[in-house]
Amino acid sequence: FGKSVSKMFSGLEFYVVNGPSEFSKADIEREIAAHVGSLAQSPTDQTFCVLADRLVARVRSVISMSCYDVVLASWLRACLDAKKLLPFLPGHMLHSLQATAEKFAQEFDEFGDNFTEHITDEQLHATFQTIAGKVPYWLHAVFPSHGQDP
């Protein structure tokens, strides 16, 4: 797969099902290998997580086993951008194991807002969208750049 960039994913095995068009399965696998992670062609008892972007039949099958955290490719992209292994966040998950869900319940409210961490304007905007299904009317005046629903 090429030259090693870092050891960020050293000791971690990933099963990649698919990715978004701008970060394909092949791209994801290349990045994992470049950061010394290992790849599995099907999940094993050593699999750290399953990466996917779309709920295709294979992802549904993995979820039905309830043996793996199934994480959006955006989590891997966030790790690469931060140049470090980041914890999973509720918004990264397609499926959470019971232990992961319990950890989230201790650290986040029902809308995915962390009890102790500061959030950005964008995260606040996303939280409000989750709460009401749309941006609150007063947010338009406070953050005009976020004034329109996506």
Protein backbone atom coordinates (compact mmCIF):
# COMPACT_ATOMS: atom_id res chain seq x y z
CA PHE A 1 0.00 0.00 0.00
CA GLY A 2 2.96 2.36 0.15
CA LYS A 3 5.08 4.23 2.66
CA SER A 4 4.15 4.46 6.35
CA VAL A 5 3.15 7.98 7.45
CA SER A 6 2.57 7.37 11.17
CA LYS A 7 1.72 4.63 13.63
CA MET A 8 -1.65 6.17 14.53
CA PHE A 9 -3.58 2.96 13.85
CA SER A 10 -0.86 0.53 14.96
CA GLY A 11 -2.33 -2.57 16.55
CA LEU A 12 -5.85 -1.83 15.25
CA GLU A 13 -7.69 -3.97 12.73
CA PHE A 14 -10.36 -2.40 10.54
CA TYR A 15 -12.98 -3.93 8.31
CA VAL A 16 -13.92 -1.43 5.59
CA VAL A 17 -17.23 -2.02 3.82
CA ASN A 18 -17.58 1.19 1.82
CA GLY A 19 -16.91 4.91 1.88
CA PRO A 20 -18.35 8.08 0.41
CA SER A 21 -17.56 8.88 -3.23
CA GLU A 22 -14.92 11.45 -2.21
CA PHE A 23 -13.22 8.98 0.21
CA SER A 24 -13.65 5.55 -1.36
CA LYS A 25 -13.07 2.16 0.22
CA ALA A 26 -9.69 1.98 -1.55
CA ASP A 27 -8.75 5.45 -0.24
CA ILE A 28 -9.75 4.49 3.30
CA GLU A 29 -7.76 1.26 3.15
CA ARG A 30 -4.72 3.11 1.78
CA GLU A 31 -4.88 5.62 4.65
CA ILE A 32 -5.26 2.89 7.29
CA ALA A 33 -2.23 1.04 5.88
CA ALA A 34 -0.23 4.28 5.67
CA HIS A 35 -0.82 4.74 9.40
CA VAL A 36 0.15 1.11 10.21
CA GLY A 37 -3.37 -0.20 10.79
CA SER A 38 -4.32 -3.65 9.57
CA LEU A 39 -7.20 -4.58 7.31
CA ALA A 40 -9.56 -7.53 7.41
CA GLN A 41 -11.62 -8.80 4.50
CA SER A 42 -14.34 -9.76 6.97
CA PRO A 43 -14.70 -8.81 10.63
CA THR A 44 -12.90 -10.98 13.19
CA ASP A 45 -12.71 -11.02 16.97
CA GLN A 46 -9.67 -8.73 16.56
CA THR A 47 -11.58 -6.07 14.60
CA PHE A 48 -11.44 -2.65 16.27
CA CYS A 49 -14.35 -1.30 14.22
CA VAL A 50 -16.21 -1.61 10.95
CA LEU A 51 -16.05 1.45 8.69
CA ALA A 52 -18.91 2.24 6.35
CA ASP A 53 -20.71 5.19 4.87
CA ARG A 54 -23.88 3.56 3.54
CA LEU A 55 -26.27 1.03 5.03
CA VAL A 56 -25.89 -1.68 2.39
CA ALA A 57 -26.80 -5.33 2.99
CA ARG A 58 -23.31 -6.20 4.27
CA VAL A 59 -23.42 -3.38 6.85
CA ARG A 60 -26.89 -4.47 7.98
CA SER A 61 -25.56 -8.01 8.37
CA VAL A 62 -22.64 -6.81 10.51
CA ILE A 63 -25.02 -4.68 12.61
CA SER A 64 -27.34 -7.66 13.14
CA MET A 65 -24.42 -9.57 14.71
CA SER A 66 -24.05 -6.75 17.28
CA CYS A 67 -20.38 -7.60 17.78
CA TYR A 68 -18.81 -4.44 16.33
CA ASP A 69 -19.04 -0.70 16.46
CA VAL A 70 -19.95 0.42 12.94
CA VAL A 71 -18.43 3.83 12.34
CA LEU A 72 -18.84 6.38 9.56
CA ALA A 73 -15.79 7.09 7.42
CA SER A 74 -16.00 10.70 8.66
CA TRP A 75 -14.48 9.48 11.96
CA LEU A 76 -11.40 8.20 10.12
CA ARG A 77 -11.18 11.47 8.18
CA ALA A 78 -11.35 13.40 11.49
CA CYS A 79 -8.49 11.26 12.88
CA LEU A 80 -6.39 11.95 9.79
CA ASP A 81 -7.11 15.69 9.99
CA ALA A 82 -6.22 15.77 13.72
CA LYS A 83 -3.20 13.51 13.15
CA LYS A 84 -4.22 11.38 16.13
CA LEU A 85 -6.62 8.62 17.08
CA LEU A 86 -9.84 10.25 18.22
CA PRO A 87 -12.57 8.73 20.35
CA PHE A 88 -15.83 7.82 18.70
CA LEU A 89 -18.59 10.41 19.01
CA PRO A 90 -22.32 9.68 18.74
CA GLY A 91 -22.48 11.41 15.36
CA HIS A 92 -19.86 9.03 13.96
CA MET A 93 -21.86 5.89 14.64
CA LEU A 94 -24.06 3.77 12.41
CA HIS A 95 -24.24 1.18 15.21
CA SER A 96 -22.82 1.14 18.73
CA LEU A 97 -22.01 -1.83 20.91
CA GLN A 98 -23.69 -1.83 24.32
CA ALA A 99 -20.44 -0.74 26.03
CA THR A 100 -20.00 2.14 23.57
CA ALA A 101 -23.64 3.22 23.99
CA GLU A 102 -23.25 3.18 27.79
CA LYS A 103 -20.12 5.34 27.53
CA PHE A 104 -22.02 7.78 25.31
CA ALA A 105 -24.89 7.89 27.83
CA GLN A 106 -22.43 8.98 30.53
CA GLU A 107 -20.76 11.65 28.38
CA PHE A 108 -23.46 13.00 26.05
CA ASP A 109 -27.05 14.13 26.29
CA GLU A 110 -29.78 12.66 24.10
CA PHE A 111 -28.90 15.07 21.29
CA GLY A 112 -25.20 14.14 21.14
CA ASP A 113 -23.97 17.21 23.04
CA ASN A 114 -21.02 16.44 25.34
CA PHE A 115 -21.55 17.27 29.01
CA THR A 116 -17.99 18.54 29.59
CA GLU A 117 -16.37 19.51 26.27
CA HIS A 118 -16.64 22.90 24.61
CA ILE A 119 -18.32 22.88 21.21
CA THR A 120 -17.84 24.92 18.07
CA ASP A 121 -20.47 27.06 16.40
CA GLU A 122 -20.91 24.32 13.79
CA GLN A 123 -21.44 21.66 16.48
CA LEU A 124 -23.96 23.89 18.25
CA HIS A 125 -25.79 24.38 14.97
CA ALA A 126 -25.87 20.61 14.37
CA THR A 127 -27.15 20.02 17.91
CA PHE A 128 -30.00 22.47 17.39
CA GLN A 129 -30.86 20.80 14.08
CA THR A 130 -31.03 17.46 15.89
CA ILE A 131 -33.21 18.86 18.67
CA ALA A 132 -35.83 20.58 16.56
CA GLY A 133 -35.31 19.07 13.16
CA LYS A 134 -34.42 22.55 11.94
CA VAL A 135 -32.42 25.59 12.95
CA PRO A 136 -34.10 27.68 15.72
CA TYR A 137 -35.33 31.05 14.51
CA TRP A 138 -33.04 33.01 16.86
CA LEU A 139 -29.92 31.23 15.59
CA HIS A 140 -30.34 32.94 12.21
CA ALA A 141 -29.60 36.32 13.80
CA VAL A 142 -26.77 35.10 16.02
CA PHE A 143 -24.95 33.07 13.35
CA PRO A 144 -26.09 34.39 9.95
CA SER A 145 -23.73 32.05 8.06
CA HIS A 146 -25.69 29.15 9.55
CA GLY A 147 -29.03 30.70 8.82
CA GLN A 148 -30.18 28.19 6.24
CA ASP A 149 -30.96 24.54 6.69
CA PRO A 150 -28.80 22.26 4.53
